[in-house]
Amino acid sequence: MYAVVETGGKQYKVCEGDIIFVEKLPANSGDSYTFDKVLAVSKADGFVVGNPTVADCTVTANVVKNGKSKKIHIIRYKSKKNEKTHMGHRQPYTKLQIMSIQA
């Protein structure tokens, strides 16, 4: 059994026990988080696609931790102008473990 959920403008295919990294959510480590935007569910009796979401279906996840990903370096360079700019960025994320899918 798996489900397709939407969070942070992205879609994730999840099964029970999966660990996923999503855009930062307003939850602390150890909390439980429920996804209400379930786009599709695969059950034992078939595949259900929502219009736009599946009614009465939720996915519950446990927040493992909040963190920041690896730093990416952005370098801008303009030739013949003696101009160079260096910036860095670390995207915040939330690590989730999928506990159950209620369909």
C-alpha atoms as a PDB file:
ATOM      1  CA  MET A   1       0.000   0.000   0.000  1.00  0.00           C
ATOM      2  CA  TYR A   2       1.347   3.397  -0.976  1.00  0.00           C
ATOM      3  CA  ALA A   3       0.106   6.964  -1.323  1.00  0.00           C
ATOM      4  CA  VAL A   4       1.052  10.136  -3.171  1.00  0.00           C
ATOM      5  CA  VAL A   5       1.071  13.211  -0.912  1.00  0.00           C
ATOM      6  CA  GLU A   6       1.719  16.868  -1.652  1.00  0.00           C
ATOM      7  CA  THR A   7       3.677  19.205   0.604  1.00  0.00           C
ATOM      8  CA  GLY A   8       5.846  22.212  -0.069  1.00  0.00           C
ATOM      9  CA  GLY A   9       4.754  22.330  -3.712  1.00  0.00           C
ATOM     10  CA  LYS A  10       6.185  18.870  -4.363  1.00  0.00           C
ATOM     11  CA  GLN A  11       4.682  15.397  -4.595  1.00  0.00           C
ATOM     12  CA  TYR A  12       6.066  12.351  -2.793  1.00  0.00           C
ATOM     13  CA  LYS A  13       5.250   8.654  -3.219  1.00  0.00           C
ATOM     14  CA  VAL A  14       5.332   7.128   0.278  1.00  0.00           C
ATOM     15  CA  CYS A  15       4.882   3.712   1.888  1.00  0.00           C
ATOM     16  CA  GLU A  16       4.679   2.830   5.566  1.00  0.00           C
ATOM     17  CA  GLY A  17       8.148   2.958   7.132  1.00  0.00           C
ATOM     18  CA  ASP A  18       9.657   5.254   4.467  1.00  0.00           C
ATOM     19  CA  ILE A  19      11.907   8.132   5.490  1.00  0.00           C
ATOM     20  CA  ILE A  20      11.550  11.282   3.387  1.00  0.00           C
ATOM     21  CA  PHE A  21      13.083  14.760   3.413  1.00  0.00           C
ATOM     22  CA  VAL A  22      10.552  17.554   2.750  1.00  0.00           C
ATOM     23  CA  GLU A  23      10.562  21.341   2.837  1.00  0.00           C
ATOM     24  CA  LYS A  24      10.655  22.643   6.417  1.00  0.00           C
ATOM     25  CA  LEU A  25       7.392  22.070   8.302  1.00  0.00           C
ATOM     26  CA  PRO A  26       6.183  23.898  11.443  1.00  0.00           C
ATOM     27  CA  ALA A  27       6.747  20.874  13.718  1.00  0.00           C
ATOM     28  CA  ASN A  28       9.326  19.962  16.325  1.00  0.00           C
ATOM     29  CA  SER A  29      11.345  16.777  16.583  1.00  0.00           C
ATOM     30  CA  GLY A  30       9.275  13.900  17.980  1.00  0.00           C
ATOM     31  CA  ASP A  31       5.930  15.412  16.934  1.00  0.00           C
ATOM     32  CA  SER A  32       3.357  13.711  14.746  1.00  0.00           C
ATOM     33  CA  TYR A  33       2.394  15.326  11.429  1.00  0.00           C
ATOM     34  CA  THR A  34      -0.667  14.504   9.312  1.00  0.00           C
ATOM     35  CA  PHE A  35      -0.860  15.016   5.553  1.00  0.00           C
ATOM     36  CA  ASP A  36      -4.389  15.893   4.407  1.00  0.00           C
ATOM     37  CA  LYS A  37      -3.496  16.479   0.743  1.00  0.00           C
ATOM     38  CA  VAL A  38      -3.408  12.866  -0.452  1.00  0.00           C
ATOM     39  CA  LEU A  39      -3.553  12.831  -4.251  1.00  0.00           C
ATOM     40  CA  ALA A  40      -3.678   9.069  -4.855  1.00  0.00           C
ATOM     41  CA  VAL A  41      -3.815   5.831  -2.866  1.00  0.00           C
ATOM     42  CA  SER A  42      -3.033   2.262  -3.856  1.00  0.00           C
ATOM     43  CA  LYS A  43      -5.102  -0.192  -1.800  1.00  0.00           C
ATOM     44  CA  ALA A  44      -5.538  -3.952  -1.903  1.00  0.00           C
ATOM     45  CA  ASP A  45      -8.727  -3.571  -3.974  1.00  0.00           C
ATOM     46  CA  GLY A  46      -7.298  -1.091  -6.496  1.00  0.00           C
ATOM     47  CA  PHE A  47      -5.867   2.343  -7.176  1.00  0.00           C
ATOM     48  CA  VAL A  48      -7.826   5.475  -6.206  1.00  0.00           C
ATOM     49  CA  VAL A  49      -7.045   8.882  -7.715  1.00  0.00           C
ATOM     50  CA  GLY A  50      -8.492  12.000  -6.101  1.00  0.00           C
ATOM     51  CA  ASN A  51     -10.152  14.924  -7.805  1.00  0.00           C
ATOM     52  CA  PRO A  52      -8.028  16.844  -6.651  1.00  0.00           C
ATOM     53  CA  THR A  53      -7.573  14.893  -3.383  1.00  0.00           C
ATOM     54  CA  VAL A  54      -8.823  11.568  -2.056  1.00  0.00           C
ATOM     55  CA  ALA A  55     -11.656  12.075   0.443  1.00  0.00           C
ATOM     56  CA  ASP A  56     -11.242  10.720   3.991  1.00  0.00           C
ATOM     57  CA  CYS A  57      -7.629   9.672   3.470  1.00  0.00           C
ATOM     58  CA  THR A  58      -4.713  10.791   5.635  1.00  0.00           C
ATOM     59  CA  VAL A  59      -1.052   9.914   5.965  1.00  0.00           C
ATOM     60  CA  THR A  60       0.522  10.158   9.421  1.00  0.00           C
ATOM     61  CA  ALA A  61       4.242  10.753   9.848  1.00  0.00           C
ATOM     62  CA  ASN A  62       6.631  11.141  12.764  1.00  0.00           C
ATOM     63  CA  VAL A  63       9.064  14.089  12.689  1.00  0.00           C
ATOM     64  CA  VAL A  64      12.573  12.675  13.101  1.00  0.00           C
ATOM     65  CA  LYS A  65      14.470  15.980  12.953  1.00  0.00           C
ATOM     66  CA  ASN A  66      14.705  19.440  11.447  1.00  0.00           C
ATOM     67  CA  GLY A  67      17.963  20.434   9.820  1.00  0.00           C
ATOM     68  CA  LYS A  68      19.784  22.117   6.971  1.00  0.00           C
ATOM     69  CA  SER A  69      21.132  20.445   3.854  1.00  0.00           C
ATOM     70  CA  LYS A  70      24.669  20.754   2.527  1.00  0.00           C
ATOM     71  CA  LYS A  71      25.853  24.211   1.568  1.00  0.00           C
ATOM     72  CA  ILE A  72      25.741  25.108  -2.093  1.00  0.00           C
ATOM     73  CA  HIS A  73      28.078  27.797  -3.404  1.00  0.00           C
ATOM     74  CA  ILE A  74      26.947  30.404  -5.909  1.00  0.00           C
ATOM     75  CA  ILE A  75      29.703  32.300  -7.719  1.00  0.00           C
ATOM     76  CA  ARG A  76      29.005  35.115 -10.155  1.00  0.00           C
ATOM     77  CA  TYR A  77      31.818  36.341 -12.343  1.00  0.00           C
ATOM     78  CA  LYS A  78      31.933  39.111 -14.926  1.00  0.00           C
ATOM     79  CA  SER A  79      34.943  38.958 -17.174  1.00  0.00           C
ATOM     80  CA  LYS A  80      36.996  42.070 -17.848  1.00  0.00           C
ATOM     81  CA  LYS A  81      35.193  43.956 -15.053  1.00  0.00           C
ATOM     82  CA  ASN A  82      37.166  42.654 -12.020  1.00  0.00           C
ATOM     83  CA  GLU A  83      33.838  41.672 -10.456  1.00  0.00           C
ATOM     84  CA  LYS A  84      33.318  38.442  -8.537  1.00  0.00           C
ATOM     85  CA  THR A  85      30.536  37.586  -6.037  1.00  0.00           C
ATOM     86  CA  HIS A  86      30.448  34.531  -3.795  1.00  0.00           C
ATOM     87  CA  MET A  87      27.328  33.450  -1.888  1.00  0.00           C
ATOM     88  CA  GLY A  88      26.238  30.310  -0.073  1.00  0.00           C
ATOM     89  CA  HIS A  89      22.860  28.766   0.755  1.00  0.00           C
ATOM     90  CA  ARG A  90      21.666  25.945   3.041  1.00  0.00           C
ATOM     91  CA  GLN A  91      18.089  24.815   2.466  1.00  0.00           C
ATOM     92  CA  PRO A  92      16.158  23.904   5.648  1.00  0.00           C
ATOM     93  CA  TYR A  93      14.376  20.534   5.649  1.00  0.00           C
ATOM     94  CA  THR A  94      12.282  18.249   7.848  1.00  0.00           C
ATOM     95  CA  LYS A  95      13.065  14.532   8.017  1.00  0.00           C
ATOM     96  CA  LEU A  96       9.890  12.429   8.347  1.00  0.00           C
ATOM     97  CA  GLN A  97       9.190   8.745   8.904  1.00  0.00           C
ATOM     98  CA  ILE A  98       5.837   7.570   7.530  1.00  0.00           C
ATOM     99  CA  MET A  99       3.910   5.714  10.223  1.00  0.00           C
ATOM    100  CA  SER A 100       0.518   4.877   8.688  1.00  0.00           C
ATOM    101  CA  ILE A 101      -1.774   5.409   5.704  1.00  0.00           C
ATOM    102  CA  GLN A 102      -5.513   5.539   6.488  1.00  0.00           C
ATOM    103  CA  ALA A 103      -7.638   5.089   3.374  1.00  0.00           C
END
